[in-house]
Amino acid sequence: MAIIKVTKRKVKKPQNASAMRNLIDYVKKHERENGLAIGFNCNTASAFQEFLLNKKIHHKTDGRLYIHMIQSFPKDLITPEKAFELGQKLINEHPQFANFQIVMGTHTDREHIHNHFCINSVGMDGKKWQLSDTDLNGIREKSLDICREAEVPIWWDKNNVIFETDKPLIESQKDDQLNTVHQGEYEKQKQGKSWSQIINAAVQCELSKSINYDDFKKNMQDKHKITVNERGQTVTYRMEGMGRAMRGRMLGLGFELNTIGDIESVIKKSQELHTVHQGEYEKQKQGKSWKYELFLGIRECTKHAHSQDEFITNMNKLGYGVQWDHHKYITFSTPDGKKCRNNKLYPTERFTKEYLLDQFEKNAERRSQQTIRDHQQQMDHTVNLVNNLLRTVSRKGSLSGDDEFFPLTHIKSKLEGQALKDKAIEKSNSSYNWDKEF
């Protein structure tokens, strides 16, 4: 189930150098017997001394000294060597760990195999470790993505059997998945009878699939029979049979989900592109990611397409090749020859063959002939705008002042504000359901 936990710091018992040494020794305690211990930006044999030296260099030797993180895996479904590999992958590929000294070790002294991480609180650049609930959730999501790629089962994953049906979620989960404050809730969790546990799993499932709050609310009702209501801006959740509705902050999700704004924020974050290469996130923010450009191209072409053939034609107009045949995955080729499968884009479920075909069908069903023509014109307008930008860049150099130029990224960043205003005007003068756009 690939659980990520960060042990809580005891305020009344401040951390000290001795405790840090003990934790490092504990993390690598199985190193001699299985060799499954490794240091990042440090050596396991001298990690304690290197941690202290880095703190002294940056004059940050007090306060919080270390962070203890644990990554646990399903019982009997993974080998120690595989767990060790996935732990390294998480550290190497998530930007939160960059520039920090870390000792990681794989432990096999419990029923479930797990990795321990001891992280120096001071980075190699002198910045101290900061981890918000949103950041922690991002690490958890990355860990899950890595597990999916390695085909390690995850109980709340959409590919798991409990999500292959439209019935409400009633499967029991492990008691360490959720912390609640209600008396007796702990025992209910172990029996698989906890309302909050069931709602928690449903919320996790639908956040990444929903377009906005209204869509999330509808999905919760239609798929899981969970009613989502508002009291002002506060959101409550209620299943049939519950005596009292439950607020979002009682779900133990690790991030706020108590207001409409909270839900919209999490949905928006879940729809952002995440990739598996270290440094890709920073490239996106700088407008230098070819994979983000591909993501934007697929999204734009999907929005305006009414069939598979039309989608491929739209992609071709933007300069992308599309190999969509009997193979399991769709393979996209960028104008400069890079290749990317659809399962490498996030959220993955929005780029499957089944999802795209369903989207094309819905586009065709809900749009009149006039609206279809309008969308074709919008697509052609986008293609012309992209081509004009590329011609301008080839004559004058990159508009972004960089060797790499991605036109759709440029359009999104420069024109998004005006586009939102135009869309609001068009929405107010149209009966078309803009909120259901891809």
Protein backbone atom coordinates (compact mmCIF):
# COMPACT_ATOMS: atom_id res chain seq x y z
CA MET A 1 0.00 0.00 0.00
CA ALA A 2 3.07 2.24 -0.16
CA ILE A 3 2.39 4.43 2.85
CA ILE A 4 4.52 7.51 3.54
CA LYS A 5 4.77 8.69 7.16
CA VAL A 6 6.79 11.43 8.84
CA THR A 7 7.31 10.85 12.56
CA LYS A 8 6.11 13.72 14.70
CA ARG A 9 8.63 15.88 16.51
CA LYS A 10 8.21 15.93 20.28
CA VAL A 11 8.31 19.58 21.30
CA LYS A 12 8.96 18.75 24.97
CA LYS A 13 11.93 16.58 24.00
CA PRO A 14 14.15 18.63 21.67
CA GLN A 15 16.33 16.78 19.16
CA ASN A 16 20.04 16.50 19.86
CA ALA A 17 23.14 15.17 18.14
CA SER A 18 23.01 11.90 20.05
CA ALA A 19 19.44 11.21 18.88
CA MET A 20 20.47 11.99 15.30
CA ARG A 21 23.38 9.53 15.52
CA ASN A 22 21.06 6.86 16.95
CA LEU A 23 18.54 7.32 14.15
CA ILE A 24 21.23 7.10 11.44
CA ASP A 25 22.51 3.88 13.02
CA TYR A 26 18.96 2.53 13.25
CA VAL A 27 18.21 3.34 9.59
CA LYS A 28 21.27 1.41 8.37
CA LYS A 29 21.12 -1.38 10.97
CA HIS A 30 20.55 -4.11 8.34
CA GLU A 31 23.34 -2.85 6.07
CA ARG A 32 25.79 -5.63 7.01
CA GLU A 33 23.33 -8.47 6.50
CA ASN A 34 21.58 -7.33 3.30
CA GLY A 35 23.60 -4.37 1.99
CA LEU A 36 20.36 -2.39 1.54
CA ALA A 37 21.49 0.99 2.86
CA ILE A 38 22.63 4.02 0.93
CA GLY A 39 23.56 7.64 1.43
CA PHE A 40 22.49 10.55 -0.76
CA ASN A 41 24.95 13.46 -0.79
CA CYS A 42 26.81 11.59 1.96
CA ASN A 43 28.43 8.27 2.83
CA THR A 44 26.59 5.88 5.15
CA ALA A 45 29.78 5.22 7.15
CA SER A 46 30.40 8.91 7.91
CA ALA A 47 26.86 10.32 7.56
CA PHE A 48 26.65 11.59 11.14
CA GLN A 49 29.88 13.59 10.83
CA GLU A 50 28.84 14.90 7.40
CA PHE A 51 25.43 15.97 8.72
CA LEU A 52 27.11 17.94 11.54
CA LEU A 53 29.71 19.47 9.24
CA ASN A 54 27.08 20.76 6.85
CA LYS A 55 25.17 22.34 9.75
CA LYS A 56 28.31 24.06 11.02
CA ILE A 57 29.23 25.37 7.57
CA HIS A 58 25.84 27.12 7.34
CA HIS A 59 25.72 28.09 11.05
CA LYS A 60 22.50 26.16 11.66
CA THR A 61 23.30 23.74 14.46
CA ASP A 62 20.22 24.15 16.64
CA GLY A 63 16.47 23.63 16.35
CA ARG A 64 15.28 20.64 14.38
CA LEU A 65 18.28 18.50 13.41
CA TYR A 66 16.77 15.70 11.34
CA ILE A 67 13.58 14.33 9.78
CA HIS A 68 12.52 10.70 10.07
CA MET A 69 10.38 9.43 7.18
CA ILE A 70 9.08 5.91 6.59
CA GLN A 71 7.87 4.31 3.34
CA SER A 72 5.96 1.04 3.89
CA PHE A 73 4.95 -1.57 1.32
CA PRO A 74 2.28 -4.31 1.13
CA LYS A 75 2.89 -7.52 3.02
CA ASP A 76 4.27 -10.40 0.91
CA LEU A 77 3.95 -8.43 -2.36
CA ILE A 78 7.43 -6.97 -2.72
CA THR A 79 11.03 -8.08 -2.21
CA PRO A 80 13.51 -6.15 -0.03
CA GLU A 81 15.60 -5.41 -3.13
CA LYS A 82 12.58 -3.97 -4.97
CA ALA A 83 11.59 -1.85 -1.97
CA PHE A 84 15.17 -0.54 -1.79
CA GLU A 85 15.04 0.33 -5.50
CA LEU A 86 11.69 2.16 -5.18
CA GLY A 87 12.93 4.13 -2.17
CA GLN A 88 15.95 5.34 -4.13
CA LYS A 89 13.70 6.23 -7.05
CA LEU A 90 11.49 8.38 -4.83
CA ILE A 91 14.47 10.32 -3.47
CA ASN A 92 16.09 10.77 -6.87
CA GLU A 93 12.95 11.89 -8.67
CA HIS A 94 11.05 14.08 -6.19
CA PRO A 95 12.37 17.68 -5.99
CA GLN A 96 11.66 17.89 -2.24
CA PHE A 97 14.75 15.75 -1.54
CA ALA A 98 17.15 17.60 -3.83
CA ASN A 99 20.20 19.11 -2.08
CA PHE A 100 19.57 17.24 1.19
CA GLN A 101 21.80 14.64 2.82
CA ILE A 102 19.79 11.46 3.37
CA VAL A 103 20.53 8.01 4.74
CA MET A 104 18.08 5.35 3.57
CA GLY A 105 17.85 1.73 4.69
CA THR A 106 15.44 -1.11 3.95
CA HIS A 107 14.12 -3.03 6.97
CA THR A 108 12.68 -6.55 6.95
CA ASP A 109 12.08 -6.98 10.69
CA ARG A 110 8.31 -6.48 10.42
CA GLU A 111 5.53 -8.25 8.49
CA HIS A 112 5.67 -5.51 5.88
CA ILE A 113 8.93 -4.41 4.28
CA HIS A 114 9.65 -0.71 4.75
CA ASN A 115 12.27 1.96 4.08
CA HIS A 116 13.54 4.39 6.71
CA PHE A 117 14.90 7.81 5.73
CA CYS A 118 16.99 10.02 8.01
CA ILE A 119 17.12 13.48 6.41
CA ASN A 120 19.45 16.28 7.48
CA SER A 121 17.32 19.30 8.34
CA VAL A 122 19.85 21.61 6.64
CA GLY A 123 20.31 21.29 2.90
CA MET A 124 23.60 21.46 1.01
CA ASP A 125 22.59 24.98 -0.04
CA GLY A 126 21.98 26.05 3.57
CA LYS A 127 18.18 26.06 3.33
CA LYS A 128 16.30 24.31 6.11
CA TRP A 129 13.83 21.51 5.44
CA GLN A 130 10.25 22.76 5.02
CA LEU A 131 7.35 20.37 4.44
CA SER A 132 3.74 21.54 4.24
CA ASP A 133 0.77 19.18 4.13
CA THR A 134 0.55 19.83 0.39
CA ASP A 135 4.24 18.95 -0.05
CA LEU A 136 3.80 15.74 1.93
CA ASN A 137 0.80 14.80 -0.16
CA GLY A 138 2.91 15.39 -3.27
CA ILE A 139 5.55 12.95 -1.96
CA ARG A 140 2.83 10.40 -1.28
CA GLU A 141 1.43 10.79 -4.78
CA LYS A 142 4.90 10.41 -6.27
CA SER A 143 5.46 7.26 -4.20
CA LEU A 144 2.18 5.86 -5.51
CA ASP A 145 3.10 6.69 -9.11
CA ILE A 146 6.38 4.83 -8.68
CA CYS A 147 4.53 1.84 -7.20
CA ARG A 148 2.08 1.80 -10.09
CA GLU A 149 4.95 1.72 -12.57
CA ALA A 150 6.46 -1.20 -10.64
CA GLU A 151 3.02 -2.91 -10.49
CA VAL A 152 2.98 -2.89 -6.69
CA PRO A 153 -0.73 -2.98 -5.64
CA ILE A 154 -2.25 0.07 -3.97
CA TRP A 155 -5.57 -0.35 -2.22
CA TRP A 156 -7.05 3.01 -3.25
CA ASP A 157 -5.71 2.98 -6.82
CA LYS A 158 -8.29 3.18 -9.60
CA ASN A 159 -6.91 -0.06 -11.09
CA ASN A 160 -7.64 -1.95 -7.89
CA VAL A 161 -10.73 -4.13 -7.85
CA ILE A 162 -12.64 -1.84 -5.47
CA PHE A 163 -12.66 0.88 -8.13
CA GLU A 164 -13.71 -1.36 -11.00
CA THR A 165 -17.34 -1.17 -9.94
CA ASP A 166 -19.82 1.64 -9.53
CA LYS A 167 -20.80 0.33 -6.08
CA PRO A 168 -19.94 2.40 -3.01
CA LEU A 169 -16.56 1.69 -1.43
CA ILE A 170 -17.08 -0.75 1.43
CA GLU A 171 -13.80 -2.65 1.40
CA SER A 172 -11.83 -2.54 4.63
CA GLN A 173 -8.44 -0.91 4.72
CA LYS A 174 -5.52 -1.12 7.12
CA ASP A 175 -6.01 0.65 10.43
CA ASP A 176 -2.90 2.79 9.95
CA GLN A 177 -4.34 4.60 6.93
CA LEU A 178 -6.43 7.09 8.84
CA ASN A 179 -6.23 8.91 12.16
CA THR A 180 -9.55 10.15 13.55
CA VAL A 181 -10.68 11.73 16.78
CA HIS A 182 -13.99 9.98 17.40
CA GLN A 183 -14.25 7.51 20.25
CA GLY A 184 -14.54 3.95 18.92
CA GLU A 185 -13.46 4.97 15.40
CA TYR A 186 -10.20 3.05 15.68
CA GLU A 187 -12.00 -0.26 16.27
CA LYS A 188 -14.41 0.46 13.44
CA GLN A 189 -11.47 1.02 11.11
CA LYS A 190 -10.00 -2.38 11.95
CA GLN A 191 -13.37 -3.96 11.18
CA GLY A 192 -13.71 -2.04 7.92
CA LYS A 193 -16.82 -0.24 9.19
CA SER A 194 -15.54 3.31 9.50
CA TRP A 195 -17.59 5.98 7.70
CA SER A 196 -14.59 8.28 7.55
CA GLN A 197 -12.45 5.52 6.09
CA ILE A 198 -14.93 4.81 3.30
CA ILE A 199 -15.41 8.52 2.52
CA ASN A 200 -11.64 9.04 2.64
CA ALA A 201 -11.07 6.40 -0.05
CA ALA A 202 -13.86 7.80 -2.24
CA VAL A 203 -12.50 11.36 -1.96
CA GLN A 204 -8.97 10.21 -2.86
CA CYS A 205 -10.41 8.41 -5.89
CA GLU A 206 -12.46 11.31 -7.23
CA LEU A 207 -10.14 14.26 -6.63
CA SER A 208 -7.85 13.33 -9.53
CA LYS A 209 -10.78 12.48 -11.82
CA SER A 210 -12.95 15.56 -11.30
CA ILE A 211 -12.81 18.73 -13.37
CA ASN A 212 -14.12 21.11 -10.71
CA TYR A 213 -16.09 21.14 -7.45
CA ASP A 214 -19.49 20.51 -9.10
CA ASP A 215 -18.07 17.56 -11.03
CA PHE A 216 -16.48 16.21 -7.81
CA LYS A 217 -19.80 16.54 -6.00
CA LYS A 218 -21.67 14.69 -8.77
CA ASN A 219 -19.07 11.91 -8.94
CA MET A 220 -19.22 11.35 -5.19
CA GLN A 221 -23.02 10.99 -5.35
CA ASP A 222 -23.26 8.91 -8.55
CA LYS A 223 -20.36 6.53 -7.94
CA HIS A 224 -20.22 6.21 -4.16
CA LYS A 225 -23.64 7.37 -2.91
CA ILE A 226 -21.96 10.02 -0.79
CA THR A 227 -23.78 13.35 -0.56
CA VAL A 228 -21.57 16.43 -0.54
CA ASN A 229 -23.25 19.57 0.81
CA GLU A 230 -22.24 23.10 1.75
CA ARG A 231 -22.92 25.22 4.79
CA GLY A 232 -21.73 28.52 3.46
CA GLN A 233 -18.22 27.68 2.27
CA THR A 234 -17.86 24.67 4.60
CA VAL A 235 -18.22 21.27 2.94
CA THR A 236 -19.77 18.20 4.59
CA TYR A 237 -19.91 14.54 3.54
CA ARG A 238 -22.67 12.10 4.37
CA MET A 239 -23.40 8.49 3.43
CA GLU A 240 -26.78 6.85 3.74
CA GLY A 241 -27.13 5.54 7.28
CA MET A 242 -24.83 8.10 8.87
CA GLY A 243 -26.35 9.99 11.73
CA ARG A 244 -24.48 13.24 11.20
CA ALA A 245 -22.61 14.64 8.22
CA MET A 246 -18.82 14.76 8.47
CA ARG A 247 -16.67 17.80 7.76
CA GLY A 248 -13.65 17.54 5.46
CA ARG A 249 -11.13 18.18 8.21
CA MET A 250 -12.29 14.99 9.96
CA LEU A 251 -11.22 12.74 7.07
CA GLY A 252 -7.54 12.63 8.00
CA LEU A 253 -6.40 13.18 4.43
CA GLY A 254 -3.20 14.99 5.34
CA PHE A 255 -4.38 18.21 3.66
CA GLU A 256 -7.28 20.62 4.11
CA LEU A 257 -10.51 19.63 2.39
CA ASN A 258 -13.00 21.57 4.48
CA THR A 259 -14.18 24.27 2.04
CA ILE A 260 -15.12 24.56 -1.62
CA GLY A 261 -11.90 26.51 -2.17
CA ASP A 262 -9.83 23.69 -0.62
CA ILE A 263 -11.38 21.13 -2.97
CA GLU A 264 -10.94 23.33 -6.04
CA SER A 265 -7.30 23.90 -5.08
CA VAL A 266 -6.56 20.17 -4.69
CA ILE A 267 -8.34 19.34 -7.95
CA LYS A 268 -6.34 22.00 -9.77
CA LYS A 269 -3.10 20.65 -8.31
CA SER A 270 -4.02 17.08 -9.27
CA GLN A 271 -4.54 18.21 -12.86
CA GLU A 272 -1.05 19.70 -13.13
CA LEU A 273 1.47 17.76 -15.14
CA HIS A 274 3.83 15.59 -13.12
CA THR A 275 6.68 13.71 -14.74
CA VAL A 276 9.14 11.11 -13.55
CA HIS A 277 12.38 12.91 -14.36
CA GLN A 278 14.26 14.84 -11.72
CA GLY A 279 14.15 18.56 -12.41
CA GLU A 280 11.11 18.35 -14.69
CA TYR A 281 8.96 20.35 -12.28
CA GLU A 282 11.41 23.26 -12.33
CA LYS A 283 11.54 23.11 -16.13
CA GLN A 284 7.75 23.41 -16.25
CA LYS A 285 7.81 26.53 -14.09
CA GLN A 286 10.44 28.02 -16.39
CA GLY A 287 8.50 27.10 -19.54
CA LYS A 288 11.22 24.72 -20.77
CA SER A 289 9.49 21.33 -20.54
CA TRP A 290 8.82 19.53 -23.82
CA LYS A 291 6.60 17.07 -21.96
CA TYR A 292 4.46 19.89 -20.58
CA GLU A 293 4.19 21.29 -24.12
CA LEU A 294 3.01 17.85 -25.27
CA PHE A 295 0.51 17.76 -22.40
CA LEU A 296 -0.93 21.11 -23.48
CA GLY A 297 -1.10 19.97 -27.11
CA ILE A 298 -2.99 16.78 -26.27
CA ARG A 299 -5.38 18.68 -24.03
CA GLU A 300 -6.09 21.29 -26.70
CA CYS A 301 -6.61 18.70 -29.45
CA THR A 302 -8.84 16.56 -27.23
CA LYS A 303 -11.04 19.53 -26.37
CA HIS A 304 -11.74 20.24 -30.03
CA ALA A 305 -11.86 16.69 -31.46
CA HIS A 306 -14.99 14.60 -32.09
CA SER A 307 -13.29 11.37 -33.18
CA GLN A 308 -9.97 9.57 -33.00
CA ASP A 309 -9.11 10.53 -36.57
CA GLU A 310 -9.85 14.20 -35.93
CA PHE A 311 -7.71 14.12 -32.79
CA ILE A 312 -4.76 12.65 -34.72
CA THR A 313 -5.26 15.24 -37.49
CA ASN A 314 -5.25 18.06 -34.93
CA MET A 315 -2.06 16.71 -33.35
CA ASN A 316 -0.44 16.46 -36.79
CA LYS A 317 -1.32 20.11 -37.47
CA LEU A 318 0.63 21.05 -34.33
CA GLY A 319 3.58 18.99 -35.57
CA TYR A 320 3.08 15.91 -33.37
CA GLY A 321 3.05 12.32 -34.58
CA VAL A 322 0.55 9.89 -33.02
CA GLN A 323 0.92 6.11 -33.12
CA TRP A 324 -2.48 4.77 -32.08
CA ASP A 325 -2.87 1.15 -33.14
CA HIS A 326 -3.28 -2.32 -31.62
CA HIS A 327 -0.55 -1.69 -29.06
CA LYS A 328 -1.56 -1.08 -25.45
CA TYR A 329 -0.20 2.47 -25.33
CA ILE A 330 -0.44 5.52 -27.57
CA THR A 331 2.99 6.85 -28.56
CA PHE A 332 3.39 10.57 -29.26
CA SER A 333 6.31 12.03 -31.23
CA THR A 334 7.31 15.66 -30.76
CA PRO A 335 8.29 17.90 -33.70
CA ASP A 336 11.97 17.39 -32.82
CA GLY A 337 11.71 13.60 -32.56
CA LYS A 338 11.23 12.92 -28.83
CA LYS A 339 8.81 10.09 -28.00
CA CYS A 340 6.44 9.72 -25.07
CA ARG A 341 3.81 7.11 -24.22
CA ASN A 342 0.43 8.19 -22.91
CA ASN A 343 1.01 6.37 -19.60
CA LYS A 344 3.88 8.79 -18.86
CA LEU A 345 1.51 11.77 -18.67
CA TYR A 346 -0.37 12.83 -15.56
CA PRO A 347 -3.10 12.29 -14.53
CA THR A 348 -2.63 8.95 -16.32
CA GLU A 349 -6.32 8.04 -16.40
CA ARG A 350 -7.05 11.10 -18.58
CA PHE A 351 -4.73 9.92 -21.32
CA THR A 352 -5.81 6.30 -21.74
CA LYS A 353 -7.32 5.19 -25.05
CA GLU A 354 -10.64 4.53 -23.32
CA TYR A 355 -10.83 7.96 -21.71
CA LEU A 356 -9.92 9.84 -24.88
CA LEU A 357 -12.41 7.89 -27.01
CA ASP A 358 -15.12 8.52 -24.42
CA GLN A 359 -14.25 12.24 -24.46
CA PHE A 360 -14.51 12.39 -28.27
CA GLU A 361 -17.90 10.70 -28.11
CA LYS A 362 -19.17 13.11 -25.46
CA ASN A 363 -17.89 16.06 -27.50
CA ALA A 364 -19.86 14.84 -30.52
CA GLU A 365 -23.02 14.16 -28.50
CA ARG A 366 -23.30 17.45 -26.66
CA ARG A 367 -22.35 19.84 -29.45
CA SER A 368 -24.52 21.07 -32.26
CA GLN A 369 -23.19 21.19 -35.82
CA GLN A 370 -22.57 24.90 -35.41
CA THR A 371 -20.64 24.32 -32.18
CA ILE A 372 -18.58 21.61 -33.88
CA ARG A 373 -17.64 24.04 -36.66
CA ASP A 374 -16.77 26.66 -34.05
CA HIS A 375 -14.44 24.22 -32.33
CA GLN A 376 -12.79 23.35 -35.62
CA GLN A 377 -12.20 27.04 -36.24
CA GLN A 378 -10.77 27.45 -32.71
CA MET A 379 -8.40 24.55 -33.33
CA ASP A 380 -7.27 26.02 -36.65
CA HIS A 381 -6.80 29.41 -34.97
CA THR A 382 -4.55 27.78 -32.32
CA VAL A 383 -2.54 26.02 -35.04
CA ASN A 384 -2.07 29.27 -36.95
CA LEU A 385 -1.04 31.10 -33.78
CA VAL A 386 1.52 28.39 -32.97
CA ASN A 387 2.94 28.47 -36.50
CA ASN A 388 3.18 32.27 -36.48
CA LEU A 389 5.00 32.21 -33.14
CA LEU A 390 7.46 29.59 -34.40
CA ARG A 391 8.12 31.63 -37.56
CA THR A 392 8.71 34.74 -35.43
CA VAL A 393 11.12 32.84 -33.21
CA SER A 394 13.04 31.46 -36.19
CA ARG A 395 13.53 35.02 -37.50
CA LYS A 396 14.16 36.94 -34.28
CA GLY A 397 15.22 34.33 -31.75
CA SER A 398 13.26 32.93 -28.82
CA LEU A 399 10.58 35.19 -27.34
CA SER A 400 11.41 33.73 -23.96
CA GLY A 401 15.10 34.56 -24.22
CA ASP A 402 16.05 30.88 -24.19
CA ASP A 403 17.27 28.42 -26.78
CA GLU A 404 14.19 26.25 -26.28
CA PHE A 405 10.82 27.74 -27.13
CA PHE A 406 7.46 26.05 -26.57
CA PRO A 407 4.60 27.99 -28.20
CA LEU A 408 1.66 26.48 -26.29
CA THR A 409 3.42 27.06 -22.97
CA HIS A 410 4.09 30.63 -24.09
CA ILE A 411 0.45 31.15 -25.09
CA LYS A 412 -0.81 29.70 -21.80
CA SER A 413 1.45 31.83 -19.63
CA LYS A 414 1.07 35.09 -21.58
CA LEU A 415 -2.57 34.98 -22.63
CA GLU A 416 -4.24 32.99 -19.86
CA GLY A 417 -5.57 36.07 -18.10
CA GLN A 418 -7.26 37.48 -21.19
CA ALA A 419 -8.49 34.03 -22.21
CA LEU A 420 -10.27 33.65 -18.88
CA LYS A 421 -11.99 37.01 -19.35
CA ASP A 422 -13.07 36.07 -22.89
CA LYS A 423 -14.32 32.71 -21.69
CA ALA A 424 -16.38 34.34 -18.94
CA ILE A 425 -18.03 36.60 -21.51
CA GLU A 426 -18.72 33.70 -23.87
CA LYS A 427 -20.00 31.57 -21.00
CA SER A 428 -22.47 34.27 -19.98
CA ASN A 429 -23.84 34.44 -23.54
CA SER A 430 -24.03 30.73 -24.27
CA SER A 431 -25.99 27.68 -23.18
CA TYR A 432 -22.93 25.46 -23.75
CA ASN A 433 -21.74 23.68 -20.61
CA TRP A 434 -18.21 25.11 -20.40
CA ASP A 435 -17.64 23.63 -16.93
CA LYS A 436 -17.57 20.15 -18.41
CA GLU A 437 -14.70 20.88 -20.78
CA PHE A 438 -11.72 18.54 -20.66
